[in-house]
Amino acid sequence: MKSGFVSVVGRPNVGKSTLVNALVGSKVSIISSRPQTTRNTIRGVLHRGDAQIVFVDTPGLHRPRTALGERLNRLVYGSLEDADAVVFVLDATQPIGPGDRLIAGRLAESGTDVVVVVNKTDAAGKDDVAAMLGEAGEWDFAAYVPVSALQGTGLGPLLDEVLPRLPEGPAYFPPGMTTDQPDELLMAEIVREKFLDRLREELPHSLAVVVGDVETRDDGTLYIPARLVVERDSQKGIVIGQKGSVLAAAGTEAREELERLFGTRVFLDMKVVVEKDWQRRESLLDRLGF
């Protein structure tokens, strides 16, 4: 059978996580309209009769301004070292920019087969998509595929390009397993997702969520303690909201999704704490799991 690892890379907010979720057929990565939503390398596993493809969702490559940003970029470049193939995602609604060209240059040096995906075709005109395919074609990568990850179109042709580029090998994950994320990380990410589009300006980047020891109580309820970490006292009030409104609304959405995911009642115990400038402090990044 064919099996291998496919790194999914691109600038922030081009739809990498939406694409991985669509390919795998279940939610393995959180999504939001905010750039730099993904902060880890998330593996999503697609099982087929003739193949097992492990898609590695990566943070958006960007010009880092913090120690966290530098670590995220290193994660992306590290994923390329172990990849059997690469899916390079472009946003059809945005012109190709310096960030895309920088990534293209790095991929050209890697020697790995690259399949370019022009994503968000549902939101772009046909002429714009055609123009982007033509411009990106100058990079002379292995293949080019227009896709709408949101609508699930173009996924078949994309897989038809990826599969032949994978080696023969064993199944790395058992049947039915769609991700190797620890439950605690998935829980934390789902909680963070519910806040991202409710927060403004730089605050989404200043929020981290850490889930502690999860317990199953005698009545079957899943107790999930979550620390919401921000960088300043002023941010703490925004995350909580007037009379607790933001915390309550986001917490309810997160709890309901977690209950659907784990099939049991959930008690989500959230506390907002301040760790000054955590994005810039290496010791705190270690402690927060980055």
C-alpha atoms as a PDB file:
ATOM      1  CA  MET A   1       0.000   0.000   0.000  1.00  0.00           C
ATOM      2  CA  LYS A   2       0.987   3.633  -0.376  1.00  0.00           C
ATOM      3  CA  SER A   3       1.713   5.461   2.857  1.00  0.00           C
ATOM      4  CA  GLY A   4       3.517   8.629   3.780  1.00  0.00           C
ATOM      5  CA  PHE A   5       3.576  12.070   5.321  1.00  0.00           C
ATOM      6  CA  VAL A   6       2.400  15.143   3.431  1.00  0.00           C
ATOM      7  CA  SER A   7       3.283  18.532   4.891  1.00  0.00           C
ATOM      8  CA  VAL A   8       0.642  21.225   4.237  1.00  0.00           C
ATOM      9  CA  VAL A   9       2.267  24.657   4.170  1.00  0.00           C
ATOM     10  CA  GLY A  10       1.464  28.236   3.237  1.00  0.00           C
ATOM     11  CA  ARG A  11       1.055  31.753   4.552  1.00  0.00           C
ATOM     12  CA  PRO A  12      -1.301  32.402   7.483  1.00  0.00           C
ATOM     13  CA  ASN A  13      -5.030  32.220   6.779  1.00  0.00           C
ATOM     14  CA  VAL A  14      -4.878  30.550   3.351  1.00  0.00           C
ATOM     15  CA  GLY A  15      -7.104  27.670   4.519  1.00  0.00           C
ATOM     16  CA  LYS A  16      -4.600  24.940   5.398  1.00  0.00           C
ATOM     17  CA  SER A  17      -6.552  23.659   8.409  1.00  0.00           C
ATOM     18  CA  THR A  18      -9.858  23.705   6.533  1.00  0.00           C
ATOM     19  CA  LEU A  19      -8.207  21.714   3.754  1.00  0.00           C
ATOM     20  CA  VAL A  20      -6.755  19.108   6.124  1.00  0.00           C
ATOM     21  CA  ASN A  21     -10.118  18.698   7.880  1.00  0.00           C
ATOM     22  CA  ALA A  22     -11.851  18.259   4.506  1.00  0.00           C
ATOM     23  CA  LEU A  23      -9.319  15.679   3.308  1.00  0.00           C
ATOM     24  CA  VAL A  24      -9.430  13.665   6.522  1.00  0.00           C
ATOM     25  CA  GLY A  25     -13.214  13.896   6.784  1.00  0.00           C
ATOM     26  CA  SER A  26     -13.288  15.054  10.402  1.00  0.00           C
ATOM     27  CA  LYS A  27     -12.182  18.021  12.457  1.00  0.00           C
ATOM     28  CA  VAL A  28      -8.572  17.568  13.516  1.00  0.00           C
ATOM     29  CA  SER A  29      -7.540  21.253  13.380  1.00  0.00           C
ATOM     30  CA  ILE A  30      -9.374  24.295  14.665  1.00  0.00           C
ATOM     31  CA  ILE A  31     -10.239  27.077  12.228  1.00  0.00           C
ATOM     32  CA  SER A  32     -11.023  30.765  12.484  1.00  0.00           C
ATOM     33  CA  SER A  33     -10.827  33.918  10.398  1.00  0.00           C
ATOM     34  CA  ARG A  34      -7.750  34.985  12.377  1.00  0.00           C
ATOM     35  CA  PRO A  35      -4.263  34.488  10.942  1.00  0.00           C
ATOM     36  CA  GLN A  36      -1.907  32.150  12.800  1.00  0.00           C
ATOM     37  CA  THR A  37      -4.724  30.085  14.289  1.00  0.00           C
ATOM     38  CA  THR A  38      -2.652  26.896  14.097  1.00  0.00           C
ATOM     39  CA  ARG A  39       0.181  26.787  16.631  1.00  0.00           C
ATOM     40  CA  ASN A  40       1.273  23.170  16.390  1.00  0.00           C
ATOM     41  CA  THR A  41       1.958  20.606  13.723  1.00  0.00           C
ATOM     42  CA  ILE A  42      -1.292  18.617  13.661  1.00  0.00           C
ATOM     43  CA  ARG A  43      -1.395  15.224  11.955  1.00  0.00           C
ATOM     44  CA  GLY A  44      -4.598  14.232  10.214  1.00  0.00           C
ATOM     45  CA  VAL A  45      -4.864  10.684   8.873  1.00  0.00           C
ATOM     46  CA  LEU A  46      -6.749   9.720   5.728  1.00  0.00           C
ATOM     47  CA  HIS A  47      -7.455   5.978   5.477  1.00  0.00           C
ATOM     48  CA  ARG A  48      -8.095   4.408   2.079  1.00  0.00           C
ATOM     49  CA  GLY A  49      -8.124   0.816   0.962  1.00  0.00           C
ATOM     50  CA  ASP A  50      -4.951   1.315  -1.042  1.00  0.00           C
ATOM     51  CA  ALA A  51      -3.234   3.974   1.045  1.00  0.00           C
ATOM     52  CA  GLN A  52      -2.801   5.831   4.297  1.00  0.00           C
ATOM     53  CA  ILE A  53      -1.926   9.522   3.967  1.00  0.00           C
ATOM     54  CA  VAL A  54      -0.802  11.494   7.011  1.00  0.00           C
ATOM     55  CA  PHE A  55      -1.407  15.183   6.338  1.00  0.00           C
ATOM     56  CA  VAL A  56       0.636  17.469   8.606  1.00  0.00           C
ATOM     57  CA  ASP A  57      -1.164  20.772   9.186  1.00  0.00           C
ATOM     58  CA  THR A  58       1.388  23.478   9.983  1.00  0.00           C
ATOM     59  CA  PRO A  59       1.331  27.053  11.319  1.00  0.00           C
ATOM     60  CA  GLY A  60       1.301  29.788   8.707  1.00  0.00           C
ATOM     61  CA  LEU A  61       4.790  30.901   7.731  1.00  0.00           C
ATOM     62  CA  HIS A  62       5.234  34.569   8.574  1.00  0.00           C
ATOM     63  CA  ARG A  63       7.793  37.171   9.531  1.00  0.00           C
ATOM     64  CA  PRO A  64       8.178  36.503  13.261  1.00  0.00           C
ATOM     65  CA  ARG A  65       7.966  39.316  15.796  1.00  0.00           C
ATOM     66  CA  THR A  66       8.152  37.165  18.929  1.00  0.00           C
ATOM     67  CA  ALA A  67       9.914  34.073  20.245  1.00  0.00           C
ATOM     68  CA  LEU A  68       6.650  32.204  19.670  1.00  0.00           C
ATOM     69  CA  GLY A  69       6.623  33.240  16.013  1.00  0.00           C
ATOM     70  CA  GLU A  70      10.177  31.983  15.578  1.00  0.00           C
ATOM     71  CA  ARG A  71       9.243  28.640  17.121  1.00  0.00           C
ATOM     72  CA  LEU A  72       6.211  28.289  14.852  1.00  0.00           C
ATOM     73  CA  ASN A  73       8.306  28.893  11.744  1.00  0.00           C
ATOM     74  CA  ARG A  74      10.817  26.283  12.916  1.00  0.00           C
ATOM     75  CA  LEU A  75       7.951  23.807  13.254  1.00  0.00           C
ATOM     76  CA  VAL A  76       7.020  24.352   9.620  1.00  0.00           C
ATOM     77  CA  TYR A  77      10.558  23.927   8.326  1.00  0.00           C
ATOM     78  CA  GLY A  78      11.007  20.870  10.526  1.00  0.00           C
ATOM     79  CA  SER A  79       7.919  19.254   9.006  1.00  0.00           C
ATOM     80  CA  LEU A  80       9.443  19.568   5.544  1.00  0.00           C
ATOM     81  CA  GLU A  81      12.454  17.482   6.525  1.00  0.00           C
ATOM     82  CA  ASP A  82      10.300  14.384   7.104  1.00  0.00           C
ATOM     83  CA  ALA A  83       7.760  14.935   4.320  1.00  0.00           C
ATOM     84  CA  ASP A  84       7.332  12.532   1.426  1.00  0.00           C
ATOM     85  CA  ALA A  85       5.426  15.250  -0.432  1.00  0.00           C
ATOM     86  CA  VAL A  86       4.291  18.816   0.185  1.00  0.00           C
ATOM     87  CA  VAL A  87       0.967  20.553  -0.435  1.00  0.00           C
ATOM     88  CA  PHE A  88       1.621  24.293  -0.837  1.00  0.00           C
ATOM     89  CA  VAL A  89      -1.600  26.268  -0.338  1.00  0.00           C
ATOM     90  CA  LEU A  90      -2.306  29.630  -1.980  1.00  0.00           C
ATOM     91  CA  ASP A  91      -5.342  31.853  -1.434  1.00  0.00           C
ATOM     92  CA  ALA A  92      -7.177  32.541  -4.695  1.00  0.00           C
ATOM     93  CA  THR A  93      -8.725  35.693  -3.218  1.00  0.00           C
ATOM     94  CA  GLN A  94      -5.324  37.304  -2.574  1.00  0.00           C
ATOM     95  CA  PRO A  95      -2.520  38.077  -5.036  1.00  0.00           C
ATOM     96  CA  ILE A  96       0.669  36.053  -4.807  1.00  0.00           C
ATOM     97  CA  GLY A  97       2.930  38.022  -2.493  1.00  0.00           C
ATOM     98  CA  PRO A  98       6.470  38.058  -1.098  1.00  0.00           C
ATOM     99  CA  GLY A  99       5.520  35.526   1.589  1.00  0.00           C
ATOM    100  CA  ASP A 100       4.306  33.038  -1.021  1.00  0.00           C
ATOM    101  CA  ARG A 101       7.465  33.534  -3.070  1.00  0.00           C
ATOM    102  CA  LEU A 102       9.647  33.040  -0.021  1.00  0.00           C
ATOM    103  CA  ILE A 103       7.935  29.714   0.707  1.00  0.00           C
ATOM    104  CA  ALA A 104       8.164  28.689  -2.951  1.00  0.00           C
ATOM    105  CA  GLY A 105      11.911  29.353  -2.895  1.00  0.00           C
ATOM    106  CA  ARG A 106      12.403  27.244   0.212  1.00  0.00           C
ATOM    107  CA  LEU A 107      10.340  24.402  -1.281  1.00  0.00           C
ATOM    108  CA  ALA A 108      12.283  24.502  -4.536  1.00  0.00           C
ATOM    109  CA  GLU A 109      15.468  23.981  -2.519  1.00  0.00           C
ATOM    110  CA  SER A 110      13.988  21.059  -0.568  1.00  0.00           C
ATOM    111  CA  GLY A 111      13.936  18.617  -3.470  1.00  0.00           C
ATOM    112  CA  THR A 112      10.551  17.237  -2.320  1.00  0.00           C
ATOM    113  CA  ASP A 113       7.644  16.912  -4.757  1.00  0.00           C
ATOM    114  CA  VAL A 114       5.312  19.881  -4.320  1.00  0.00           C
ATOM    115  CA  VAL A 115       1.625  19.993  -5.251  1.00  0.00           C
ATOM    116  CA  VAL A 116       0.346  23.564  -5.340  1.00  0.00           C
ATOM    117  CA  VAL A 117      -3.250  24.096  -4.235  1.00  0.00           C
ATOM    118  CA  VAL A 118      -5.063  27.268  -5.243  1.00  0.00           C
ATOM    119  CA  ASN A 119      -7.678  27.343  -2.480  1.00  0.00           C
ATOM    120  CA  LYS A 120     -10.878  29.350  -1.908  1.00  0.00           C
ATOM    121  CA  THR A 121     -11.998  29.022  -5.520  1.00  0.00           C
ATOM    122  CA  ASP A 122     -15.576  29.389  -4.258  1.00  0.00           C
ATOM    123  CA  ALA A 123     -14.794  33.001  -3.312  1.00  0.00           C
ATOM    124  CA  ALA A 124     -12.739  33.971  -6.379  1.00  0.00           C
ATOM    125  CA  GLY A 125     -13.610  34.524 -10.008  1.00  0.00           C
ATOM    126  CA  LYS A 126     -12.592  31.981 -12.638  1.00  0.00           C
ATOM    127  CA  ASP A 127     -10.286  34.491 -14.291  1.00  0.00           C
ATOM    128  CA  ASP A 128      -8.543  35.179 -10.972  1.00  0.00           C
ATOM    129  CA  VAL A 129      -8.052  31.461 -10.360  1.00  0.00           C
ATOM    130  CA  ALA A 130      -6.705  30.939 -13.874  1.00  0.00           C
ATOM    131  CA  ALA A 131      -4.339  33.891 -13.495  1.00  0.00           C
ATOM    132  CA  MET A 132      -3.007  32.573 -10.197  1.00  0.00           C
ATOM    133  CA  LEU A 133      -2.481  29.100 -11.644  1.00  0.00           C
ATOM    134  CA  GLY A 134      -0.553  30.651 -14.509  1.00  0.00           C
ATOM    135  CA  GLU A 135       1.603  32.819 -12.245  1.00  0.00           C
ATOM    136  CA  ALA A 136       2.312  29.994  -9.805  1.00  0.00           C
ATOM    137  CA  GLY A 137       3.086  27.717 -12.751  1.00  0.00           C
ATOM    138  CA  GLU A 138       6.307  29.650 -13.263  1.00  0.00           C
ATOM    139  CA  TRP A 139       7.651  27.896 -10.157  1.00  0.00           C
ATOM    140  CA  ASP A 140       7.538  24.622 -12.108  1.00  0.00           C
ATOM    141  CA  PHE A 141       6.389  22.430  -9.236  1.00  0.00           C
ATOM    142  CA  ALA A 142       5.031  18.917  -9.723  1.00  0.00           C
ATOM    143  CA  ALA A 143       1.314  19.737 -10.023  1.00  0.00           C
ATOM    144  CA  TYR A 144      -1.279  22.491  -9.626  1.00  0.00           C
ATOM    145  CA  VAL A 145      -4.857  21.921  -8.410  1.00  0.00           C
ATOM    146  CA  PRO A 146      -7.704  24.427  -7.862  1.00  0.00           C
ATOM    147  CA  VAL A 147      -9.676  23.576  -4.729  1.00  0.00           C
ATOM    148  CA  SER A 148     -12.414  24.866  -2.464  1.00  0.00           C
ATOM    149  CA  ALA A 149     -11.660  23.280   0.890  1.00  0.00           C
ATOM    150  CA  LEU A 150     -14.766  24.926   2.323  1.00  0.00           C
ATOM    151  CA  GLN A 151     -17.065  23.324  -0.234  1.00  0.00           C
ATOM    152  CA  GLY A 152     -15.023  20.141  -0.652  1.00  0.00           C
ATOM    153  CA  THR A 153     -14.467  20.558  -4.393  1.00  0.00           C
ATOM    154  CA  GLY A 154     -11.240  19.543  -6.079  1.00  0.00           C
ATOM    155  CA  LEU A 155     -10.234  17.118  -3.327  1.00  0.00           C
ATOM    156  CA  GLY A 156     -10.338  14.083  -5.626  1.00  0.00           C
ATOM    157  CA  PRO A 157      -7.952  15.587  -8.198  1.00  0.00           C
ATOM    158  CA  LEU A 158      -5.694  16.715  -5.343  1.00  0.00           C
ATOM    159  CA  LEU A 159      -5.479  13.185  -3.950  1.00  0.00           C
ATOM    160  CA  ASP A 160      -4.851  11.860  -7.454  1.00  0.00           C
ATOM    161  CA  GLU A 161      -1.743  14.064  -7.561  1.00  0.00           C
ATOM    162  CA  VAL A 162      -0.556  13.296  -4.024  1.00  0.00           C
ATOM    163  CA  LEU A 163      -0.920   9.505  -3.983  1.00  0.00           C
ATOM    164  CA  PRO A 164       1.557   8.628  -6.771  1.00  0.00           C
ATOM    165  CA  ARG A 165       4.223  10.678  -4.986  1.00  0.00           C
ATOM    166  CA  LEU A 166       4.103   8.562  -1.817  1.00  0.00           C
ATOM    167  CA  PRO A 167       6.276   5.506  -1.249  1.00  0.00           C
ATOM    168  CA  GLU A 168       5.099   1.974  -0.642  1.00  0.00           C
ATOM    169  CA  GLY A 169       4.998   1.385   3.094  1.00  0.00           C
ATOM    170  CA  PRO A 170       3.126   0.274   6.204  1.00  0.00           C
ATOM    171  CA  ALA A 171       0.131   1.856   7.857  1.00  0.00           C
ATOM    172  CA  TYR A 172       1.428   4.229  10.527  1.00  0.00           C
ATOM    173  CA  PHE A 173      -1.889   4.505  12.369  1.00  0.00           C
ATOM    174  CA  PRO A 174      -4.632   1.968  13.162  1.00  0.00           C
ATOM    175  CA  PRO A 175      -7.956   2.055  11.253  1.00  0.00           C
ATOM    176  CA  GLY A 176     -10.320   4.770  12.425  1.00  0.00           C
ATOM    177  CA  MET A 177      -7.631   6.930  14.028  1.00  0.00           C
ATOM    178  CA  THR A 178      -7.792  10.374  12.419  1.00  0.00           C
ATOM    179  CA  THR A 179      -5.228  12.234  14.547  1.00  0.00           C
ATOM    180  CA  ASP A 180      -2.499  11.524  17.065  1.00  0.00           C
ATOM    181  CA  GLN A 181      -3.132  14.670  19.112  1.00  0.00           C
ATOM    182  CA  PRO A 182      -3.476  14.069  22.861  1.00  0.00           C
ATOM    183  CA  ASP A 183      -7.040  14.663  24.033  1.00  0.00           C
ATOM    184  CA  GLU A 184      -5.859  17.507  26.264  1.00  0.00           C
ATOM    185  CA  LEU A 185      -4.377  19.384  23.316  1.00  0.00           C
ATOM    186  CA  LEU A 186      -7.532  18.947  21.251  1.00  0.00           C
ATOM    187  CA  MET A 187      -9.636  20.156  24.194  1.00  0.00           C
ATOM    188  CA  ALA A 188      -7.437  23.220  24.636  1.00  0.00           C
ATOM    189  CA  GLU A 189      -7.589  24.049  20.945  1.00  0.00           C
ATOM    190  CA  ILE A 190     -11.373  23.765  20.819  1.00  0.00           C
ATOM    191  CA  VAL A 191     -11.647  26.152  23.767  1.00  0.00           C
ATOM    192  CA  ARG A 192      -9.238  28.620  22.121  1.00  0.00           C
ATOM    193  CA  GLU A 193     -11.126  28.429  18.826  1.00  0.00           C
ATOM    194  CA  LYS A 194     -14.310  29.703  20.456  1.00  0.00           C
ATOM    195  CA  PHE A 195     -12.572  32.884  21.587  1.00  0.00           C
ATOM    196  CA  LEU A 196     -10.603  33.756  18.460  1.00  0.00           C
ATOM    197  CA  ASP A 197     -13.334  35.399  16.387  1.00  0.00           C
ATOM    198  CA  ARG A 198     -14.726  37.125  19.489  1.00  0.00           C
ATOM    199  CA  LEU A 199     -11.464  38.967  20.180  1.00  0.00           C
ATOM    200  CA  ARG A 200     -10.033  41.935  18.309  1.00  0.00           C
ATOM    201  CA  GLU A 201      -6.713  43.344  17.141  1.00  0.00           C
ATOM    202  CA  GLU A 202      -3.708  41.547  18.654  1.00  0.00           C
ATOM    203  CA  LEU A 203      -5.567  39.821  21.484  1.00  0.00           C
ATOM    204  CA  PRO A 204      -6.192  36.534  19.606  1.00  0.00           C
ATOM    205  CA  HIS A 205      -2.402  36.133  19.324  1.00  0.00           C
ATOM    206  CA  SER A 206      -1.981  36.840  23.045  1.00  0.00           C
ATOM    207  CA  LEU A 207      -4.316  34.047  24.151  1.00  0.00           C
ATOM    208  CA  ALA A 208      -3.097  30.558  24.987  1.00  0.00           C
ATOM    209  CA  VAL A 209      -5.139  27.729  26.504  1.00  0.00           C
ATOM    210  CA  VAL A 210      -3.690  24.961  28.637  1.00  0.00           C
ATOM    211  CA  VAL A 211      -5.775  22.002  29.819  1.00  0.00           C
ATOM    212  CA  GLY A 212      -4.713  20.359  33.067  1.00  0.00           C
ATOM    213  CA  ASP A 213      -5.557  16.936  34.487  1.00  0.00           C
ATOM    214  CA  VAL A 214      -8.847  15.745  33.021  1.00  0.00           C
ATOM    215  CA  GLU A 215     -11.043  13.608  35.281  1.00  0.00           C
ATOM    216  CA  THR A 216     -14.049  11.373  34.706  1.00  0.00           C
ATOM    217  CA  ARG A 217     -16.270  11.860  37.723  1.00  0.00           C
ATOM    218  CA  ASP A 218     -18.504   9.244  39.355  1.00  0.00           C
ATOM    219  CA  ASP A 219     -21.563  10.395  37.409  1.00  0.00           C
ATOM    220  CA  GLY A 220     -19.665  10.094  34.095  1.00  0.00           C
ATOM    221  CA  THR A 221     -19.108  13.821  33.688  1.00  0.00           C
ATOM    222  CA  LEU A 222     -15.807  14.780  32.092  1.00  0.00           C
ATOM    223  CA  TYR A 223     -14.153  17.487  34.204  1.00  0.00           C
ATOM    224  CA  ILE A 224     -11.857  19.685  32.073  1.00  0.00           C
ATOM    225  CA  PRO A 225      -9.804  22.383  33.819  1.00  0.00           C
ATOM    226  CA  ALA A 226      -8.637  25.025  31.323  1.00  0.00           C
ATOM    227  CA  ARG A 227      -6.290  27.937  31.989  1.00  0.00           C
ATOM    228  CA  LEU A 228      -6.750  30.843  29.588  1.00  0.00           C
ATOM    229  CA  VAL A 229      -3.425  32.679  29.519  1.00  0.00           C
ATOM    230  CA  VAL A 230      -3.144  36.321  28.391  1.00  0.00           C
ATOM    231  CA  GLU A 231      -0.261  38.792  28.507  1.00  0.00           C
ATOM    232  CA  ARG A 232      -1.753  41.824  30.292  1.00  0.00           C
ATOM    233  CA  ASP A 233      -4.352  42.638  32.931  1.00  0.00           C
ATOM    234  CA  SER A 234      -6.343  44.663  30.404  1.00  0.00           C
ATOM    235  CA  GLN A 235      -6.642  41.592  28.189  1.00  0.00           C
ATOM    236  CA  LYS A 236      -8.034  39.538  31.045  1.00  0.00           C
ATOM    237  CA  GLY A 237     -11.077  41.786  31.256  1.00  0.00           C
ATOM    238  CA  ILE A 238     -11.678  41.552  27.502  1.00  0.00           C
ATOM    239  CA  VAL A 239     -11.532  37.743  27.519  1.00  0.00           C
ATOM    240  CA  ILE A 240     -13.985  37.617  30.420  1.00  0.00           C
ATOM    241  CA  GLY A 241     -16.257  40.286  28.911  1.00  0.00           C
ATOM    242  CA  GLN A 242     -18.830  42.531  30.532  1.00  0.00           C
ATOM    243  CA  LYS A 243     -20.417  40.585  33.389  1.00  0.00           C
ATOM    244  CA  GLY A 244     -18.665  37.473  32.071  1.00  0.00           C
ATOM    245  CA  SER A 245     -20.452  37.570  28.713  1.00  0.00           C
ATOM    246  CA  VAL A 246     -17.546  36.553  26.449  1.00  0.00           C
ATOM    247  CA  LEU A 247     -16.360  33.815  28.794  1.00  0.00           C
ATOM    248  CA  ALA A 248     -19.896  32.424  29.102  1.00  0.00           C
ATOM    249  CA  ALA A 249     -20.695  32.457  25.372  1.00  0.00           C
ATOM    250  CA  ALA A 250     -17.377  30.953  24.259  1.00  0.00           C
ATOM    251  CA  GLY A 251     -17.434  28.459  27.124  1.00  0.00           C
ATOM    252  CA  THR A 252     -20.909  27.245  26.209  1.00  0.00           C
ATOM    253  CA  GLU A 253     -19.909  26.701  22.573  1.00  0.00           C
ATOM    254  CA  ALA A 254     -16.760  24.860  23.611  1.00  0.00           C
ATOM    255  CA  ARG A 255     -18.582  22.669  26.127  1.00  0.00           C
ATOM    256  CA  GLU A 256     -21.255  21.692  23.598  1.00  0.00           C
ATOM    257  CA  GLU A 257     -18.644  20.735  20.987  1.00  0.00           C
ATOM    258  CA  LEU A 258     -16.621  18.778  23.536  1.00  0.00           C
ATOM    259  CA  GLU A 259     -19.754  16.892  24.617  1.00  0.00           C
ATOM    260  CA  ARG A 260     -20.459  15.923  21.005  1.00  0.00           C
ATOM    261  CA  LEU A 261     -16.852  14.896  20.491  1.00  0.00           C
ATOM    262  CA  PHE A 262     -16.461  12.784  23.635  1.00  0.00           C
ATOM    263  CA  GLY A 263     -20.063  11.585  23.911  1.00  0.00           C
ATOM    264  CA  THR A 264     -20.561  12.546  27.537  1.00  0.00           C
ATOM    265  CA  ARG A 265     -21.442  15.478  29.759  1.00  0.00           C
ATOM    266  CA  VAL A 266     -18.626  17.985  30.216  1.00  0.00           C
ATOM    267  CA  PHE A 267     -17.881  20.371  33.060  1.00  0.00           C
ATOM    268  CA  LEU A 268     -15.544  23.001  31.621  1.00  0.00           C
ATOM    269  CA  ASP A 269     -13.754  24.874  34.401  1.00  0.00           C
ATOM    270  CA  MET A 270     -12.104  27.954  32.847  1.00  0.00           C
ATOM    271  CA  LYS A 271      -9.830  30.406  34.629  1.00  0.00           C
ATOM    272  CA  VAL A 272      -8.195  33.447  33.029  1.00  0.00           C
ATOM    273  CA  VAL A 273      -4.650  34.177  34.202  1.00  0.00           C
ATOM    274  CA  VAL A 274      -1.988  36.739  33.245  1.00  0.00           C
ATOM    275  CA  GLU A 275       1.544  35.726  32.264  1.00  0.00           C
ATOM    276  CA  LYS A 276       3.210  38.957  31.191  1.00  0.00           C
ATOM    277  CA  ASP A 277       4.579  38.895  27.624  1.00  0.00           C
ATOM    278  CA  TRP A 278       4.472  35.093  27.475  1.00  0.00           C
ATOM    279  CA  GLN A 279       4.989  35.089  23.677  1.00  0.00           C
ATOM    280  CA  ARG A 280       8.441  36.585  24.157  1.00  0.00           C
ATOM    281  CA  ARG A 281       9.653  34.512  27.108  1.00  0.00           C
ATOM    282  CA  GLU A 282      11.365  31.248  26.202  1.00  0.00           C
ATOM    283  CA  SER A 283      10.848  29.678  29.637  1.00  0.00           C
ATOM    284  CA  LEU A 284       7.104  30.377  29.526  1.00  0.00           C
ATOM    285  CA  LEU A 285       6.826  29.012  25.993  1.00  0.00           C
ATOM    286  CA  ASP A 286       8.387  25.781  27.274  1.00  0.00           C
ATOM    287  CA  ARG A 287       5.956  25.645  30.176  1.00  0.00           C
ATOM    288  CA  LEU A 288       2.955  26.355  27.943  1.00  0.00           C
ATOM    289  CA  GLY A 289       3.910  23.482  25.660  1.00  0.00           C
ATOM    290  CA  PHE A 290       5.227  25.295  22.578  1.00  0.00           C
END
